[in-house]
């Protein structure tokens, strides 16, 4: 988000767009660099946390192994979720162009939105970003008689990727149409 809004605040967006007049391509390059960097960093942190947690367990405690069922998916999802929520914020930054407002909308949509929107209609819980991440980590299960069941882990992460892609697409279109 700051990769875009910081440039608007400082005025360096003019130089960036003058160097590369294809504005959506500038945003796509920012998203690609940010996404790959965040994915690599997130995965490294998730696996490091897993192995540190294994090492911290006492000698009498059975430590989980990566090959056990239900272990690898939450580790991979916890490393991948920042790489999906971050580009969502980048797209919102391109749309809104003000750091504080973009952060407020991102936090409102991703975290606070689940508190309010999810309470209004339980059938859409599975499509809210924070629930998607929680479901991918194995936090929610489908109870008999529930209003809605969580999406399968990778389907949910695909929905989160679609949200990020939509925000980047809209941000790229708006970036192409308005002045820097």
C-alpha atoms as a PDB file:
ATOM      1  CA  UNK A   1       0.000   0.000   0.000  1.00  0.00           C
ATOM      2  CA  UNK A   2       2.766   2.416   0.937  1.00  0.00           C
ATOM      3  CA  UNK A   3       4.497   1.621  -2.350  1.00  0.00           C
ATOM      4  CA  UNK A   4       1.716   3.564  -4.069  1.00  0.00           C
ATOM      5  CA  UNK A   5       0.369   5.983  -1.468  1.00  0.00           C
ATOM      6  CA  UNK A   6       3.852   7.027  -0.365  1.00  0.00           C
ATOM      7  CA  UNK A   7       4.652   8.025  -3.931  1.00  0.00           C
ATOM      8  CA  UNK A   8       1.486  10.097  -4.124  1.00  0.00           C
ATOM      9  CA  UNK A   9       2.286  11.790  -0.817  1.00  0.00           C
ATOM     10  CA  UNK A  10       5.840  12.672  -1.830  1.00  0.00           C
ATOM     11  CA  UNK A  11       5.044  13.459  -5.465  1.00  0.00           C
ATOM     12  CA  UNK A  12       7.496  10.863  -6.819  1.00  0.00           C
ATOM     13  CA  UNK A  13       4.614   9.153  -8.619  1.00  0.00           C
ATOM     14  CA  UNK A  14       5.021  11.759 -11.368  1.00  0.00           C
ATOM     15  CA  UNK A  15       8.615  10.674 -11.995  1.00  0.00           C
ATOM     16  CA  UNK A  16       7.681   6.985 -11.911  1.00  0.00           C
ATOM     17  CA  UNK A  17       4.873   7.493 -14.418  1.00  0.00           C
ATOM     18  CA  UNK A  18       7.022   9.735 -16.616  1.00  0.00           C
ATOM     19  CA  UNK A  19       9.680   7.005 -16.772  1.00  0.00           C
ATOM     20  CA  UNK A  20       7.086   4.394 -17.671  1.00  0.00           C
ATOM     21  CA  UNK A  21       3.982   5.925 -19.237  1.00  0.00           C
ATOM     22  CA  UNK A  22       2.102   2.597 -19.268  1.00  0.00           C
ATOM     23  CA  UNK A  23       0.542   3.186 -15.870  1.00  0.00           C
ATOM     24  CA  UNK A  24      -1.154  -0.187 -15.303  1.00  0.00           C
ATOM     25  CA  UNK A  25       2.181  -1.854 -16.055  1.00  0.00           C
ATOM     26  CA  UNK A  26       3.811   0.183 -13.267  1.00  0.00           C
ATOM     27  CA  UNK A  27       1.210  -1.027 -10.798  1.00  0.00           C
ATOM     28  CA  UNK A  28       1.531  -4.617 -12.054  1.00  0.00           C
ATOM     29  CA  UNK A  29       5.310  -4.487 -11.595  1.00  0.00           C
ATOM     30  CA  UNK A  30       4.892  -3.141  -8.060  1.00  0.00           C
ATOM     31  CA  UNK A  31       2.380  -5.893  -7.281  1.00  0.00           C
ATOM     32  CA  UNK A  32       4.622  -8.607  -8.721  1.00  0.00           C
ATOM     33  CA  UNK A  33       7.708  -7.489  -6.805  1.00  0.00           C
ATOM     34  CA  UNK A  34       5.714  -6.993  -3.604  1.00  0.00           C
ATOM     35  CA  UNK A  35       3.838 -10.284  -3.974  1.00  0.00           C
ATOM     36  CA  UNK A  36       6.908 -12.411  -4.645  1.00  0.00           C
ATOM     37  CA  UNK A  37       8.917 -10.738  -1.893  1.00  0.00           C
ATOM     38  CA  UNK A  38       6.086 -11.128   0.603  1.00  0.00           C
ATOM     39  CA  UNK A  39       5.435 -14.734  -0.409  1.00  0.00           C
ATOM     40  CA  UNK A  40       9.081 -15.735   0.011  1.00  0.00           C
ATOM     41  CA  UNK A  41       9.396 -13.849   3.298  1.00  0.00           C
ATOM     42  CA  UNK A  42       6.069 -15.170   4.588  1.00  0.00           C
ATOM     43  CA  UNK A  43       6.902 -18.775   3.747  1.00  0.00           C
ATOM     44  CA  UNK A  44      10.342 -18.466   5.323  1.00  0.00           C
ATOM     45  CA  UNK A  45       8.812 -17.000   8.486  1.00  0.00           C
ATOM     46  CA  UNK A  46       6.083 -19.662   8.640  1.00  0.00           C
ATOM     47  CA  UNK A  47       8.510 -22.559   8.289  1.00  0.00           C
ATOM     48  CA  UNK A  48      10.963 -20.945  10.697  1.00  0.00           C
ATOM     49  CA  UNK A  49       8.157 -20.555  13.248  1.00  0.00           C
ATOM     50  CA  UNK A  50       7.135 -24.192  12.761  1.00  0.00           C
ATOM     51  CA  UNK A  51      10.642 -25.514  13.292  1.00  0.00           C
ATOM     52  CA  UNK A  52      11.243 -23.161  16.225  1.00  0.00           C
ATOM     53  CA  UNK A  53       8.011 -24.374  17.794  1.00  0.00           C
ATOM     54  CA  UNK A  54       9.094 -27.981  17.309  1.00  0.00           C
ATOM     55  CA  UNK A  55      12.432 -27.234  18.923  1.00  0.00           C
ATOM     56  CA  UNK A  56      10.746 -25.499  21.866  1.00  0.00           C
ATOM     57  CA  UNK A  57       8.613 -28.528  22.731  1.00  0.00           C
ATOM     58  CA  UNK A  58       9.788 -30.543  25.707  1.00  0.00           C
ATOM     59  CA  UNK A  59      11.514 -33.881  25.257  1.00  0.00           C
ATOM     60  CA  UNK A  60       8.450 -35.849  26.351  1.00  0.00           C
ATOM     61  CA  UNK A  61       6.106 -34.047  23.922  1.00  0.00           C
ATOM     62  CA  UNK A  62       5.495 -35.505  20.485  1.00  0.00           C
ATOM     63  CA  UNK A  63       6.402 -32.869  17.893  1.00  0.00           C
ATOM     64  CA  UNK A  64       4.373 -32.734  14.684  1.00  0.00           C
ATOM     65  CA  UNK A  65       6.135 -33.560  11.430  1.00  0.00           C
ATOM     66  CA  UNK A  66       5.617 -31.842   8.093  1.00  0.00           C
ATOM     67  CA  UNK A  67       4.450 -35.102   6.546  1.00  0.00           C
ATOM     68  CA  UNK A  68       1.603 -35.586   9.012  1.00  0.00           C
ATOM     69  CA  UNK A  69      -1.923 -34.836   7.786  1.00  0.00           C
ATOM     70  CA  UNK A  70      -3.062 -31.291   8.498  1.00  0.00           C
ATOM     71  CA  UNK A  71       0.391 -29.854   9.189  1.00  0.00           C
ATOM     72  CA  UNK A  72       1.779 -28.561   5.887  1.00  0.00           C
ATOM     73  CA  UNK A  73      -1.383 -26.786   4.676  1.00  0.00           C
ATOM     74  CA  UNK A  74      -1.670 -24.338   7.609  1.00  0.00           C
ATOM     75  CA  UNK A  75       2.033 -23.532   7.391  1.00  0.00           C
ATOM     76  CA  UNK A  76       1.804 -22.833   3.662  1.00  0.00           C
ATOM     77  CA  UNK A  77      -1.421 -20.833   4.093  1.00  0.00           C
ATOM     78  CA  UNK A  78       0.018 -18.692   6.879  1.00  0.00           C
ATOM     79  CA  UNK A  79       2.973 -17.828   4.660  1.00  0.00           C
ATOM     80  CA  UNK A  80       0.800 -17.168   1.612  1.00  0.00           C
ATOM     81  CA  UNK A  81      -1.919 -15.054   3.225  1.00  0.00           C
ATOM     82  CA  UNK A  82       0.212 -11.869   3.579  1.00  0.00           C
ATOM     83  CA  UNK A  83       1.162 -12.247  -0.086  1.00  0.00           C
ATOM     84  CA  UNK A  84      -2.551 -12.091  -0.938  1.00  0.00           C
ATOM     85  CA  UNK A  85      -3.734  -9.455   1.523  1.00  0.00           C
ATOM     86  CA  UNK A  86      -0.772  -7.185   0.673  1.00  0.00           C
ATOM     87  CA  UNK A  87      -1.659  -6.806  -3.027  1.00  0.00           C
ATOM     88  CA  UNK A  88      -5.242  -6.156  -1.951  1.00  0.00           C
ATOM     89  CA  UNK A  89      -3.867  -3.227   0.053  1.00  0.00           C
ATOM     90  CA  UNK A  90      -1.699  -2.172  -2.895  1.00  0.00           C
ATOM     91  CA  UNK A  91      -4.776  -2.060  -5.125  1.00  0.00           C
ATOM     92  CA  UNK A  92      -6.699  -0.092  -2.509  1.00  0.00           C
ATOM     93  CA  UNK A  93      -3.762   2.313  -2.261  1.00  0.00           C
ATOM     94  CA  UNK A  94      -3.896   2.897  -6.014  1.00  0.00           C
ATOM     95  CA  UNK A  95      -7.646   3.475  -5.821  1.00  0.00           C
ATOM     96  CA  UNK A  96      -7.699   5.755  -2.778  1.00  0.00           C
ATOM     97  CA  UNK A  97      -4.236   7.424  -3.070  1.00  0.00           C
ATOM     98  CA  UNK A  98      -4.119   8.418   0.624  1.00  0.00           C
ATOM     99  CA  UNK A  99      -2.267   6.216   3.103  1.00  0.00           C
ATOM    100  CA  UNK A 100      -4.489   6.701   6.148  1.00  0.00           C
ATOM    101  CA  UNK A 101      -7.698   6.217   4.183  1.00  0.00           C
ATOM    102  CA  UNK A 102      -6.349   3.141   2.372  1.00  0.00           C
ATOM    103  CA  UNK A 103      -5.172   1.569   5.649  1.00  0.00           C
ATOM    104  CA  UNK A 104      -8.558   2.292   7.210  1.00  0.00           C
ATOM    105  CA  UNK A 105     -10.418   0.665   4.328  1.00  0.00           C
ATOM    106  CA  UNK A 106      -8.082  -2.359   4.290  1.00  0.00           C
ATOM    107  CA  UNK A 107      -8.398  -2.927   8.028  1.00  0.00           C
ATOM    108  CA  UNK A 108     -12.115  -2.269   7.841  1.00  0.00           C
ATOM    109  CA  UNK A 109     -12.633  -4.740   5.007  1.00  0.00           C
ATOM    110  CA  UNK A 110     -10.254  -7.464   6.140  1.00  0.00           C
ATOM    111  CA  UNK A 111     -10.578  -7.424   9.901  1.00  0.00           C
ATOM    112  CA  UNK A 112     -13.415  -5.266  11.172  1.00  0.00           C
ATOM    113  CA  UNK A 113     -15.676  -6.200   8.274  1.00  0.00           C
ATOM    114  CA  UNK A 114     -15.904  -9.747   9.499  1.00  0.00           C
ATOM    115  CA  UNK A 115     -17.177  -8.556  12.862  1.00  0.00           C
ATOM    116  CA  UNK A 116     -20.052  -6.564  11.421  1.00  0.00           C
ATOM    117  CA  UNK A 117     -20.844  -8.022   8.007  1.00  0.00           C
ATOM    118  CA  UNK A 118     -20.418 -11.579   9.247  1.00  0.00           C
ATOM    119  CA  UNK A 119     -22.876 -10.949  12.054  1.00  0.00           C
ATOM    120  CA  UNK A 120     -25.495  -9.582   9.667  1.00  0.00           C
ATOM    121  CA  UNK A 121     -25.439 -12.532   7.299  1.00  0.00           C
ATOM    122  CA  UNK A 122     -23.772 -15.774   8.384  1.00  0.00           C
ATOM    123  CA  UNK A 123     -23.967 -17.232   4.871  1.00  0.00           C
ATOM    124  CA  UNK A 124     -21.228 -14.899   3.620  1.00  0.00           C
ATOM    125  CA  UNK A 125     -18.734 -15.660   6.399  1.00  0.00           C
ATOM    126  CA  UNK A 126     -16.861 -18.057   4.123  1.00  0.00           C
ATOM    127  CA  UNK A 127     -16.153 -15.218   1.656  1.00  0.00           C
ATOM    128  CA  UNK A 128     -14.747 -12.655   4.114  1.00  0.00           C
ATOM    129  CA  UNK A 129     -10.940 -12.311   3.966  1.00  0.00           C
ATOM    130  CA  UNK A 130     -10.219 -12.972   7.648  1.00  0.00           C
ATOM    131  CA  UNK A 131     -12.455 -16.041   7.630  1.00  0.00           C
ATOM    132  CA  UNK A 132     -10.768 -17.297   4.464  1.00  0.00           C
ATOM    133  CA  UNK A 133      -7.379 -17.151   6.165  1.00  0.00           C
ATOM    134  CA  UNK A 134      -8.783 -18.755   9.311  1.00  0.00           C
ATOM    135  CA  UNK A 135     -10.414 -21.513   7.289  1.00  0.00           C
ATOM    136  CA  UNK A 136      -7.170 -22.184   5.415  1.00  0.00           C
ATOM    137  CA  UNK A 137      -5.384 -22.496   8.750  1.00  0.00           C
ATOM    138  CA  UNK A 138      -7.991 -25.016   9.898  1.00  0.00           C
ATOM    139  CA  UNK A 139      -9.749 -22.685  12.318  1.00  0.00           C
ATOM    140  CA  UNK A 140     -13.361 -23.215  11.231  1.00  0.00           C
ATOM    141  CA  UNK A 141     -15.280 -26.409  10.698  1.00  0.00           C
ATOM    142  CA  UNK A 142     -18.686 -27.114   9.236  1.00  0.00           C
ATOM    143  CA  UNK A 143     -21.187 -27.926  11.944  1.00  0.00           C
ATOM    144  CA  UNK A 144     -24.461 -29.727  11.205  1.00  0.00           C
ATOM    145  CA  UNK A 145     -27.195 -27.145  10.697  1.00  0.00           C
ATOM    146  CA  UNK A 146     -24.695 -24.309  10.114  1.00  0.00           C
ATOM    147  CA  UNK A 147     -25.825 -21.430   7.901  1.00  0.00           C
ATOM    148  CA  UNK A 148     -22.705 -21.805   5.764  1.00  0.00           C
ATOM    149  CA  UNK A 149     -19.668 -24.044   5.650  1.00  0.00           C
ATOM    150  CA  UNK A 150     -16.128 -22.770   5.137  1.00  0.00           C
ATOM    151  CA  UNK A 151     -14.600 -22.949   1.712  1.00  0.00           C
ATOM    152  CA  UNK A 152     -11.915 -25.579   1.159  1.00  0.00           C
ATOM    153  CA  UNK A 153      -8.495 -24.099   1.940  1.00  0.00           C
ATOM    154  CA  UNK A 154      -7.226 -23.566  -1.597  1.00  0.00           C
ATOM    155  CA  UNK A 155     -10.614 -22.451  -2.899  1.00  0.00           C
ATOM    156  CA  UNK A 156     -10.703 -19.806  -0.170  1.00  0.00           C
ATOM    157  CA  UNK A 157      -7.190 -18.667  -0.975  1.00  0.00           C
ATOM    158  CA  UNK A 158      -8.244 -18.439  -4.635  1.00  0.00           C
ATOM    159  CA  UNK A 159     -11.142 -16.178  -3.612  1.00  0.00           C
ATOM    160  CA  UNK A 160      -8.693 -14.023  -1.654  1.00  0.00           C
ATOM    161  CA  UNK A 161      -6.429 -13.894  -4.728  1.00  0.00           C
ATOM    162  CA  UNK A 162      -9.434 -12.830  -6.806  1.00  0.00           C
ATOM    163  CA  UNK A 163     -10.141  -9.993  -4.352  1.00  0.00           C
ATOM    164  CA  UNK A 164      -6.530  -8.833  -4.679  1.00  0.00           C
ATOM    165  CA  UNK A 165      -6.656  -9.126  -8.478  1.00  0.00           C
ATOM    166  CA  UNK A 166      -9.902  -7.136  -8.608  1.00  0.00           C
ATOM    167  CA  UNK A 167      -8.464  -4.368  -6.420  1.00  0.00           C
ATOM    168  CA  UNK A 168      -5.323  -4.239  -8.578  1.00  0.00           C
ATOM    169  CA  UNK A 169      -7.361  -4.218 -11.792  1.00  0.00           C
ATOM    170  CA  UNK A 170      -9.570  -1.386 -10.568  1.00  0.00           C
ATOM    171  CA  UNK A 171      -6.522   0.446  -9.204  1.00  0.00           C
ATOM    172  CA  UNK A 172      -4.731   0.039 -12.546  1.00  0.00           C
ATOM    173  CA  UNK A 173      -7.732   1.366 -14.463  1.00  0.00           C
ATOM    174  CA  UNK A 174      -8.086   4.353 -12.137  1.00  0.00           C
ATOM    175  CA  UNK A 175      -4.330   4.988 -12.315  1.00  0.00           C
ATOM    176  CA  UNK A 176      -4.572   5.047 -16.120  1.00  0.00           C
ATOM    177  CA  UNK A 177      -7.506   7.471 -16.137  1.00  0.00           C
ATOM    178  CA  UNK A 178      -6.584  10.148 -13.647  1.00  0.00           C
ATOM    179  CA  UNK A 179      -3.727  12.541 -13.269  1.00  0.00           C
ATOM    180  CA  UNK A 180      -0.807  11.813 -10.979  1.00  0.00           C
END
